[in-house]
């Protein structure tokens, strides 16, 4: 990488940054309870950013046998690039989160297949009519960044994902249940996920009617991960810089209930996105976003940090959106790593027992069609349970939930559970930790 920097300098570049990625991915898929296929994907490429005459140029290549051409292309594109208002990363002390698990590296394909087959078999032991799907994926990455400003480091990371779920159709009743794990370490073989899927199928086989209108809703950690996607935009420095975030200009102000504390944690051990540094060479960190209801910060990359006059938080990532993978052709942007919402003082069981009438929402479908920028969310309750006098009465069908995350987290929080659980979101980078959150007067609507 130093050689590319030297060649770029020889062609007139004033500054240079080189990002290098090697990746080996293995994926196994089950469909309708049977093995569908196995795939292996290898990637090896570089992205080079240069500054010449005060403007940024970018070139990428998967061919590393012609360093002169890569440097020349990067310098040539600078004539058409945006104005360079920020520098590249310099030397820094780096954190050391646990991001490598040799068990993931050494996991053979037959063991990956067996993990899914065992999960599907357990679900079928409960009910043979369930149409099961499963996916497991293993990535082994080597990521390096070097800059003319003095940064030069690399790290190795493993990533493992596991999903299992199924659909049960009984007459006119169609029930979907599934669970997902993502992290840099191997999980327990999917046992906890399969247990939850079976429990969800068991509870969902009987239906219960629910009335529409303002309703007490207990959002599970999985549902919180869904609705908190509406905050990604509000706390993203690039949207704050463009003044389109509802939180623009509100640093230091109380924006939520005093019980709400949220961090973006890029150094959590075994977190899916955890790393010593981001894709620009900035050390990753645990960034306070909201503390005691007060807005404390935003996630930033080098560009937005400079624009806002704030520190870079180590969230500058090159991502292929919605598929949780690196994209060497992408320009680094502020991206969520793993959000951690602090728990409260009340046990989850006590929050449930205190609900006279309400709904437990566990997952929401279609939330991405909402006006996320404004903090609005709405979608079908993919899995939810009716609660009567503190007990689960059955699954709710044909039900929608809607609200505005800014209003709900400020004025409608009834209680936050002591328990905090790690959850994943398929299609979005990160490992997240959320409690159960009980809110009053959440909009519920039904076909009936």
Protein backbone atom coordinates (compact mmCIF):
# COMPACT_ATOMS: atom_id res chain seq x y z
CA UNK A 1 0.00 0.00 0.00
CA UNK A 2 2.92 2.34 0.70
CA UNK A 3 4.04 1.76 -2.87
CA UNK A 4 0.71 3.05 -4.21
CA UNK A 5 1.04 6.15 -2.02
CA UNK A 6 4.53 6.78 -3.37
CA UNK A 7 3.42 6.33 -6.98
CA UNK A 8 0.45 8.66 -6.46
CA UNK A 9 2.80 11.27 -5.00
CA UNK A 10 5.02 10.87 -8.05
CA UNK A 11 2.03 11.72 -10.24
CA UNK A 12 1.26 14.92 -8.35
CA UNK A 13 -0.98 13.78 -5.49
CA UNK A 14 -0.64 15.97 -2.40
CA UNK A 15 -2.18 13.37 -0.09
CA UNK A 16 -3.23 9.75 -0.50
CA UNK A 17 -5.27 7.07 1.28
CA UNK A 18 -5.29 3.37 0.37
CA UNK A 19 -7.95 0.90 1.56
CA UNK A 20 -7.26 -2.80 0.92
CA UNK A 21 -9.74 -5.62 1.46
CA UNK A 22 -9.39 -9.37 1.09
CA UNK A 23 -12.42 -11.47 1.91
CA UNK A 24 -13.49 -15.09 1.71
CA UNK A 25 -17.20 -15.80 2.17
CA UNK A 26 -18.91 -19.16 2.48
CA UNK A 27 -22.71 -19.35 2.53
CA UNK A 28 -25.09 -22.27 2.89
CA UNK A 29 -28.84 -21.99 2.27
CA UNK A 30 -31.78 -24.24 3.16
CA UNK A 31 -35.15 -23.81 1.46
CA UNK A 32 -38.37 -25.72 2.20
CA UNK A 33 -36.40 -27.67 4.77
CA UNK A 34 -33.79 -28.94 2.32
CA UNK A 35 -30.30 -27.93 1.29
CA UNK A 36 -30.56 -25.41 -1.54
CA UNK A 37 -26.92 -24.64 -2.22
CA UNK A 38 -23.42 -23.74 -1.08
CA UNK A 39 -21.49 -20.76 -2.42
CA UNK A 40 -17.97 -19.40 -1.94
CA UNK A 41 -16.96 -15.85 -2.87
CA UNK A 42 -13.48 -14.37 -2.81
CA UNK A 43 -12.65 -10.68 -3.06
CA UNK A 44 -9.35 -8.83 -3.23
CA UNK A 45 -9.21 -5.17 -4.09
CA UNK A 46 -8.06 -1.66 -3.27
CA UNK A 47 -9.67 1.77 -3.15
CA UNK A 48 -7.39 4.77 -3.51
CA UNK A 49 -8.33 8.33 -2.63
CA UNK A 50 -5.99 11.20 -3.46
CA UNK A 51 -6.01 14.96 -3.15
CA UNK A 52 -4.55 16.99 -6.00
CA UNK A 53 -5.01 20.72 -6.43
CA UNK A 54 -7.36 20.66 -3.47
CA UNK A 55 -9.78 18.12 -4.98
CA UNK A 56 -10.45 14.47 -4.22
CA UNK A 57 -9.93 11.67 -6.72
CA UNK A 58 -10.98 8.05 -6.31
CA UNK A 59 -10.07 4.83 -8.10
CA UNK A 60 -10.71 1.19 -7.29
CA UNK A 61 -9.36 -2.03 -8.68
CA UNK A 62 -9.40 -5.76 -8.12
CA UNK A 63 -6.21 -6.09 -10.18
CA UNK A 64 -3.17 -5.40 -8.05
CA UNK A 65 -0.56 -6.12 -10.71
CA UNK A 66 -0.56 -2.58 -12.14
CA UNK A 67 -0.06 -0.13 -9.28
CA UNK A 68 0.89 2.66 -11.69
CA UNK A 69 -2.51 2.47 -13.39
CA UNK A 70 -4.39 2.56 -10.06
CA UNK A 71 -2.46 5.62 -8.90
CA UNK A 72 -2.82 7.31 -12.29
CA UNK A 73 -6.60 6.74 -12.38
CA UNK A 74 -7.05 8.17 -8.90
CA UNK A 75 -5.05 11.28 -9.75
CA UNK A 76 -6.89 11.73 -13.06
CA UNK A 77 -10.35 11.68 -11.41
CA UNK A 78 -9.35 14.41 -8.97
CA UNK A 79 -9.89 16.98 -11.74
CA UNK A 80 -13.61 16.24 -11.45
CA UNK A 81 -13.76 15.50 -7.72
CA UNK A 82 -15.28 17.46 -4.87
CA UNK A 83 -13.30 20.01 -2.93
CA UNK A 84 -11.13 18.43 -0.23
CA UNK A 85 -12.07 19.98 3.11
CA UNK A 86 -10.72 17.25 5.35
CA UNK A 87 -7.49 15.38 5.79
CA UNK A 88 -6.86 11.66 5.97
CA UNK A 89 -6.28 9.71 9.17
CA UNK A 90 -2.98 10.04 10.97
CA UNK A 91 -1.19 7.75 13.40
CA UNK A 92 -3.31 6.92 16.46
CA UNK A 93 -3.60 4.51 19.35
CA UNK A 94 -6.03 1.76 18.41
CA UNK A 95 -8.46 -0.27 20.53
CA UNK A 96 -8.34 -4.08 20.52
CA UNK A 97 -11.88 -5.51 20.45
CA UNK A 98 -12.26 -9.26 20.03
CA UNK A 99 -13.06 -9.66 16.35
CA UNK A 100 -11.50 -13.02 15.48
CA UNK A 101 -12.81 -16.46 16.42
CA UNK A 102 -10.72 -19.35 15.16
CA UNK A 103 -13.80 -21.56 15.39
CA UNK A 104 -15.39 -19.47 12.64
CA UNK A 105 -12.26 -19.66 10.48
CA UNK A 106 -12.02 -23.42 10.92
CA UNK A 107 -15.74 -24.21 10.61
CA UNK A 108 -16.08 -26.76 7.77
CA UNK A 109 -18.95 -26.63 5.31
CA UNK A 110 -20.40 -29.93 6.56
CA UNK A 111 -20.61 -28.42 10.06
CA UNK A 112 -22.40 -25.36 8.67
CA UNK A 113 -24.88 -27.64 6.93
CA UNK A 114 -25.33 -29.71 10.09
CA UNK A 115 -26.09 -26.62 12.18
CA UNK A 116 -28.97 -25.68 9.90
CA UNK A 117 -30.20 -29.24 9.49
CA UNK A 118 -30.34 -29.66 13.27
CA UNK A 119 -32.25 -26.41 13.67
CA UNK A 120 -34.76 -27.39 10.99
CA UNK A 121 -35.12 -30.86 12.52
CA UNK A 122 -35.88 -29.40 15.94
CA UNK A 123 -38.59 -27.17 14.49
CA UNK A 124 -40.05 -30.16 12.64
CA UNK A 125 -39.99 -32.16 15.87
CA UNK A 126 -42.35 -29.53 17.22
CA UNK A 127 -44.50 -29.32 14.07
CA UNK A 128 -43.79 -31.09 10.79
CA UNK A 129 -46.05 -28.73 8.82
CA UNK A 130 -43.68 -25.78 9.27
CA UNK A 131 -42.04 -24.78 5.97
CA UNK A 132 -38.50 -24.04 7.16
CA UNK A 133 -35.74 -21.83 5.76
CA UNK A 134 -32.23 -21.36 7.07
CA UNK A 135 -29.04 -19.56 6.10
CA UNK A 136 -25.57 -19.51 7.59
CA UNK A 137 -22.66 -17.41 6.40
CA UNK A 138 -19.00 -17.20 7.33
CA UNK A 139 -16.67 -14.35 6.32
CA UNK A 140 -12.93 -14.07 6.91
CA UNK A 141 -11.65 -10.57 6.16
CA UNK A 142 -8.30 -8.78 6.12
CA UNK A 143 -8.66 -5.00 6.11
CA UNK A 144 -5.78 -2.54 5.76
CA UNK A 145 -5.60 1.24 5.59
CA UNK A 146 -2.55 3.40 4.92
CA UNK A 147 -2.36 7.16 4.43
CA UNK A 148 0.25 9.72 3.54
CA UNK A 149 -0.72 11.42 6.82
CA UNK A 150 0.90 8.65 8.86
CA UNK A 151 -1.68 5.91 9.40
CA UNK A 152 -0.70 2.35 8.49
CA UNK A 153 -2.40 -0.64 10.07
CA UNK A 154 -4.42 -3.77 9.33
CA UNK A 155 -6.63 -6.26 11.14
CA UNK A 156 -8.20 -9.64 10.56
CA UNK A 157 -11.88 -10.24 11.31
CA UNK A 158 -14.24 -13.18 11.24
CA UNK A 159 -17.98 -12.77 10.83
CA UNK A 160 -20.66 -15.39 11.34
CA UNK A 161 -24.37 -15.20 10.64
CA UNK A 162 -27.14 -17.68 11.31
CA UNK A 163 -30.83 -17.46 10.45
CA UNK A 164 -33.58 -20.00 10.87
CA UNK A 165 -37.31 -19.55 10.52
CA UNK A 166 -40.47 -21.01 9.12
CA UNK A 167 -44.04 -20.50 8.01
CA UNK A 168 -46.96 -22.46 9.43
CA UNK A 169 -50.26 -22.42 7.53
CA UNK A 170 -53.37 -23.78 9.27
CA UNK A 171 -56.56 -23.00 7.42
CA UNK A 172 -56.67 -19.23 6.98
CA UNK A 173 -54.04 -18.69 9.63
CA UNK A 174 -50.53 -18.01 8.31
CA UNK A 175 -47.81 -17.65 10.92
CA UNK A 176 -44.18 -16.65 10.32
CA UNK A 177 -41.46 -16.94 12.94
CA UNK A 178 -37.70 -16.61 12.68
CA UNK A 179 -34.53 -15.53 14.43
CA UNK A 180 -31.12 -14.17 13.46
CA UNK A 181 -27.61 -13.99 14.93
CA UNK A 182 -24.67 -11.98 13.64
CA UNK A 183 -21.27 -11.50 15.23
CA UNK A 184 -17.54 -12.07 14.92
CA UNK A 185 -17.75 -15.16 17.13
CA UNK A 186 -19.51 -18.47 16.70
CA UNK A 187 -22.86 -18.67 18.46
CA UNK A 188 -24.27 -21.62 20.38
CA UNK A 189 -25.23 -23.46 17.21
CA UNK A 190 -28.47 -21.55 16.91
CA UNK A 191 -30.03 -23.29 19.92
CA UNK A 192 -31.36 -20.11 21.52
CA UNK A 193 -32.74 -18.93 18.18
CA UNK A 194 -34.48 -22.24 17.50
CA UNK A 195 -35.92 -22.24 21.04
CA UNK A 196 -37.40 -18.79 20.42
CA UNK A 197 -38.80 -19.78 17.01
CA UNK A 198 -40.57 -22.77 18.54
CA UNK A 199 -41.91 -20.62 21.38
CA UNK A 200 -43.18 -18.03 18.89
CA UNK A 201 -44.89 -20.75 16.84
CA UNK A 202 -46.49 -22.18 19.96
CA UNK A 203 -47.82 -18.83 21.18
CA UNK A 204 -48.93 -17.76 17.71
CA UNK A 205 -51.18 -20.72 16.91
CA UNK A 206 -54.11 -19.17 18.72
CA UNK A 207 -55.38 -15.76 17.68
CA UNK A 208 -56.78 -12.95 19.75
CA UNK A 209 -58.71 -9.90 18.57
CA UNK A 210 -57.33 -6.48 19.36
CA UNK A 211 -59.07 -3.11 19.21
CA UNK A 212 -57.54 -0.27 17.28
CA UNK A 213 -56.60 3.11 18.66
CA UNK A 214 -54.04 4.34 21.20
CA UNK A 215 -52.72 1.20 22.88
CA UNK A 216 -50.14 0.18 25.46
CA UNK A 217 -47.37 -1.57 23.52
CA UNK A 218 -44.45 -3.55 24.90
CA UNK A 219 -41.71 -3.48 22.27
CA UNK A 220 -39.35 -6.45 22.56
CA UNK A 221 -35.61 -5.96 21.85
CA UNK A 222 -36.19 -7.23 18.30
CA UNK A 223 -38.99 -4.73 17.75
CA UNK A 224 -36.88 -1.95 19.26
CA UNK A 225 -34.21 -2.75 16.68
CA UNK A 226 -36.90 -2.26 14.02
CA UNK A 227 -38.28 1.07 15.26
CA UNK A 228 -34.86 2.50 16.16
CA UNK A 229 -33.96 2.42 12.46
CA UNK A 230 -35.93 5.67 12.34
CA UNK A 231 -33.18 7.26 14.46
CA UNK A 232 -30.36 6.23 12.12
CA UNK A 233 -31.04 9.27 9.95
CA UNK A 234 -31.52 11.68 12.83
CA UNK A 235 -28.19 10.80 14.43
CA UNK A 236 -26.23 10.54 11.18
CA UNK A 237 -23.74 13.39 10.87
CA UNK A 238 -24.08 13.63 7.09
CA UNK A 239 -27.80 14.43 7.39
CA UNK A 240 -27.17 16.80 10.28
CA UNK A 241 -24.58 18.59 8.12
CA UNK A 242 -27.21 18.93 5.38
CA UNK A 243 -29.67 20.25 8.00
CA UNK A 244 -32.33 17.66 7.19
CA UNK A 245 -32.15 15.76 10.49
CA UNK A 246 -34.81 16.66 13.09
CA UNK A 247 -31.95 16.83 15.61
CA UNK A 248 -29.96 19.48 13.74
CA UNK A 249 -28.84 22.21 16.15
CA UNK A 250 -30.00 20.34 19.26
CA UNK A 251 -26.72 19.13 20.75
CA UNK A 252 -26.87 19.42 24.54
CA UNK A 253 -30.66 19.62 24.61
CA UNK A 254 -33.07 17.17 26.21
CA UNK A 255 -34.67 15.26 23.35
CA UNK A 256 -35.94 12.08 25.05
CA UNK A 257 -37.15 10.75 28.38
CA UNK A 258 -34.37 10.91 31.00
CA UNK A 259 -34.35 7.09 31.15
CA UNK A 260 -33.17 6.85 27.51
CA UNK A 261 -29.43 6.36 26.94
CA UNK A 262 -28.05 5.18 23.58
CA UNK A 263 -24.46 4.53 22.43
CA UNK A 264 -23.05 3.49 19.07
CA UNK A 265 -20.51 0.83 20.05
CA UNK A 266 -17.89 -0.03 17.45
CA UNK A 267 -15.56 -1.75 19.93
CA UNK A 268 -17.92 -4.22 21.61
CA UNK A 269 -16.31 -7.65 21.80
CA UNK A 270 -17.69 -9.96 19.07
CA UNK A 271 -19.91 -7.21 17.61
CA UNK A 272 -20.58 -7.83 13.93
CA UNK A 273 -19.17 -4.44 12.88
CA UNK A 274 -16.60 -4.04 15.64
CA UNK A 275 -13.05 -3.26 14.56
CA UNK A 276 -9.91 -1.43 15.71
CA UNK A 277 -10.50 1.27 13.09
CA UNK A 278 -13.02 2.21 10.42
CA UNK A 279 -12.51 2.19 6.66
CA UNK A 280 -10.71 5.56 6.80
CA UNK A 281 -8.26 4.55 9.54
CA UNK A 282 -10.05 6.40 12.36
CA UNK A 283 -10.09 4.44 15.65
CA UNK A 284 -13.50 2.97 16.39
CA UNK A 285 -15.03 3.81 19.75
CA UNK A 286 -18.09 3.68 21.98
CA UNK A 287 -19.84 6.92 21.08
CA UNK A 288 -22.45 8.47 23.41
CA UNK A 289 -25.40 9.62 21.31
CA UNK A 290 -28.09 10.20 23.93
CA UNK A 291 -27.33 10.13 27.67
CA UNK A 292 -30.13 10.57 30.20
CA UNK A 293 -32.35 11.89 27.41
CA UNK A 294 -29.82 14.57 26.42
CA UNK A 295 -28.42 14.63 22.88
CA UNK A 296 -24.65 14.19 23.19
CA UNK A 297 -23.37 13.46 19.69
CA UNK A 298 -23.74 12.11 16.16
CA UNK A 299 -21.98 9.40 14.19
CA UNK A 300 -19.45 10.90 11.79
CA UNK A 301 -16.82 10.13 9.19
CA UNK A 302 -13.86 12.42 8.47
CA UNK A 303 -15.77 14.61 6.02
CA UNK A 304 -18.85 15.22 8.16
CA UNK A 305 -16.79 15.64 11.32
CA UNK A 306 -14.86 18.45 9.61
CA UNK A 307 -18.07 20.03 8.29
CA UNK A 308 -19.70 19.96 11.74
CA UNK A 309 -16.61 20.86 13.72
CA UNK A 310 -16.96 17.63 15.72
CA UNK A 311 -14.58 14.70 16.36
CA UNK A 312 -14.61 11.80 13.89
CA UNK A 313 -16.28 8.88 15.68
CA UNK A 314 -14.87 5.99 13.62
CA UNK A 315 -18.09 5.36 11.69
CA UNK A 316 -16.72 6.01 8.19
CA UNK A 317 -17.55 2.74 6.44
CA UNK A 318 -17.62 1.50 2.84
CA UNK A 319 -20.76 -0.62 2.70
CA UNK A 320 -22.94 -2.33 0.14
CA UNK A 321 -26.23 -1.28 1.68
CA UNK A 322 -28.85 -3.83 2.72
CA UNK A 323 -26.53 -6.84 2.31
CA UNK A 324 -24.07 -6.29 5.17
CA UNK A 325 -20.86 -6.45 3.18
CA UNK A 326 -17.93 -4.23 2.26
CA UNK A 327 -17.89 -2.35 -1.02
CA UNK A 328 -14.47 -1.10 -2.08
CA UNK A 329 -16.15 1.13 -4.65
CA UNK A 330 -18.20 3.01 -2.06
CA UNK A 331 -17.07 6.32 -0.60
CA UNK A 332 -16.89 6.12 3.22
CA UNK A 333 -20.05 7.42 4.91
CA UNK A 334 -21.24 7.56 8.51
CA UNK A 335 -22.82 4.18 9.26
CA UNK A 336 -24.24 2.57 12.39
CA UNK A 337 -22.05 -0.12 13.96
CA UNK A 338 -23.86 -1.60 16.97
CA UNK A 339 -26.37 0.43 18.98
CA UNK A 340 -26.56 -0.17 22.71
CA UNK A 341 -29.60 1.14 24.60
CA UNK A 342 -29.28 1.05 28.36
CA UNK A 343 -31.70 -0.98 30.44
CA UNK A 344 -33.88 0.33 33.22
CA UNK A 345 -34.85 -0.83 36.70
CA UNK A 346 -37.92 -2.98 36.03
CA UNK A 347 -37.81 -6.70 35.19
CA UNK A 348 -39.34 -7.56 31.83
CA UNK A 349 -41.86 -9.90 33.49
CA UNK A 350 -43.06 -7.05 35.71
CA UNK A 351 -43.65 -4.77 32.72
CA UNK A 352 -45.73 -7.51 31.09
CA UNK A 353 -47.65 -8.30 34.27
CA UNK A 354 -48.55 -4.63 34.69
CA UNK A 355 -50.29 -4.42 31.31
CA UNK A 356 -54.05 -4.52 31.81
CA UNK A 357 -54.65 -4.53 28.06
CA UNK A 358 -52.16 -4.10 25.26
CA UNK A 359 -49.96 -5.66 22.63
CA UNK A 360 -46.45 -7.13 22.67
CA UNK A 361 -44.80 -6.21 19.34
CA UNK A 362 -41.87 -8.44 18.44
CA UNK A 363 -41.22 -7.60 14.78
CA UNK A 364 -42.52 -5.17 12.20
CA UNK A 365 -42.74 -5.70 8.45
CA UNK A 366 -42.55 -2.88 5.91
CA UNK A 367 -41.05 -0.29 8.21
CA UNK A 368 -38.63 0.85 5.50
CA UNK A 369 -41.57 2.32 3.58
CA UNK A 370 -42.09 4.89 6.35
CA UNK A 371 -40.85 8.47 6.46
CA UNK A 372 -37.79 7.46 8.45
CA UNK A 373 -36.11 10.84 8.09
CA UNK A 374 -38.90 12.45 10.13
CA UNK A 375 -38.79 9.66 12.70
CA UNK A 376 -42.09 8.15 11.58
CA UNK A 377 -42.57 4.41 11.43
CA UNK A 378 -45.48 2.24 10.40
CA UNK A 379 -45.83 -1.35 9.30
CA UNK A 380 -47.59 -4.63 9.74
CA UNK A 381 -47.02 -6.39 13.01
CA UNK A 382 -45.19 -9.44 11.65
CA UNK A 383 -45.32 -11.06 15.07
CA UNK A 384 -47.27 -9.66 18.00
CA UNK A 385 -49.24 -10.91 20.98
CA UNK A 386 -52.39 -9.63 22.68
CA UNK A 387 -52.03 -9.09 26.44
CA UNK A 388 -54.98 -9.23 28.83
CA UNK A 389 -54.50 -8.69 32.56
CA UNK A 390 -50.78 -9.28 32.32
CA UNK A 391 -51.00 -12.52 30.35
CA UNK A 392 -50.58 -13.46 26.71
CA UNK A 393 -53.99 -14.18 25.17
CA UNK A 394 -52.85 -15.04 21.65
CA UNK A 395 -51.35 -13.68 18.45
CA UNK A 396 -52.69 -10.54 16.78
CA UNK A 397 -53.44 -10.73 13.05
CA UNK A 398 -53.97 -8.10 10.36
CA UNK A 399 -52.62 -5.44 12.69
CA UNK A 400 -50.50 -2.36 12.03
CA UNK A 401 -48.43 -0.27 14.42
CA UNK A 402 -47.36 3.33 13.82
CA UNK A 403 -45.76 6.20 15.64
CA UNK A 404 -43.04 8.81 15.71
CA UNK A 405 -39.91 7.75 17.55
CA UNK A 406 -39.11 11.28 18.72
CA UNK A 407 -42.49 11.75 20.38
CA UNK A 408 -42.69 8.22 21.79
CA UNK A 409 -39.24 8.22 23.39
CA UNK A 410 -39.84 11.67 24.87
CA UNK A 411 -43.41 11.53 26.17
CA UNK A 412 -44.73 7.96 26.07
CA UNK A 413 -42.20 5.78 27.88
CA UNK A 414 -43.84 3.85 30.73
CA UNK A 415 -40.94 1.58 31.61
CA UNK A 416 -37.67 0.10 30.38
CA UNK A 417 -36.70 -3.44 31.29
CA UNK A 418 -33.67 -4.35 33.35
CA UNK A 419 -32.85 -7.06 30.82
CA UNK A 420 -30.95 -6.02 27.69
CA UNK A 421 -30.69 -8.53 24.84
CA UNK A 422 -28.43 -8.71 21.82
CA UNK A 423 -30.29 -8.74 18.52
CA UNK A 424 -29.39 -8.57 14.86
CA UNK A 425 -31.06 -7.03 11.86
CA UNK A 426 -30.82 -8.90 8.59
CA UNK A 427 -29.96 -6.40 5.91
CA UNK A 428 -28.41 -3.83 8.24
CA UNK A 429 -24.89 -3.83 9.55
CA UNK A 430 -24.35 -4.24 13.26
CA UNK A 431 -25.04 -6.15 16.43
CA UNK A 432 -27.44 -4.28 18.66
CA UNK A 433 -28.42 -4.43 22.35
CA UNK A 434 -31.87 -3.29 23.41
CA UNK A 435 -34.18 -3.68 26.41
CA UNK A 436 -37.93 -4.23 26.39
CA UNK A 437 -39.65 -0.83 26.30
CA UNK A 438 -43.27 -0.29 27.37
CA UNK A 439 -44.94 2.75 25.79
CA UNK A 440 -48.40 4.21 26.20
CA UNK A 441 -50.78 5.42 23.49
CA UNK A 442 -49.09 3.82 20.48
CA UNK A 443 -51.25 3.80 17.36
CA UNK A 444 -52.64 0.33 16.59
CA UNK A 445 -55.02 -0.37 13.71
CA UNK A 446 -56.72 -3.56 12.55
CA UNK A 447 -58.82 -4.66 9.60
CA UNK A 448 -61.67 -5.47 11.92
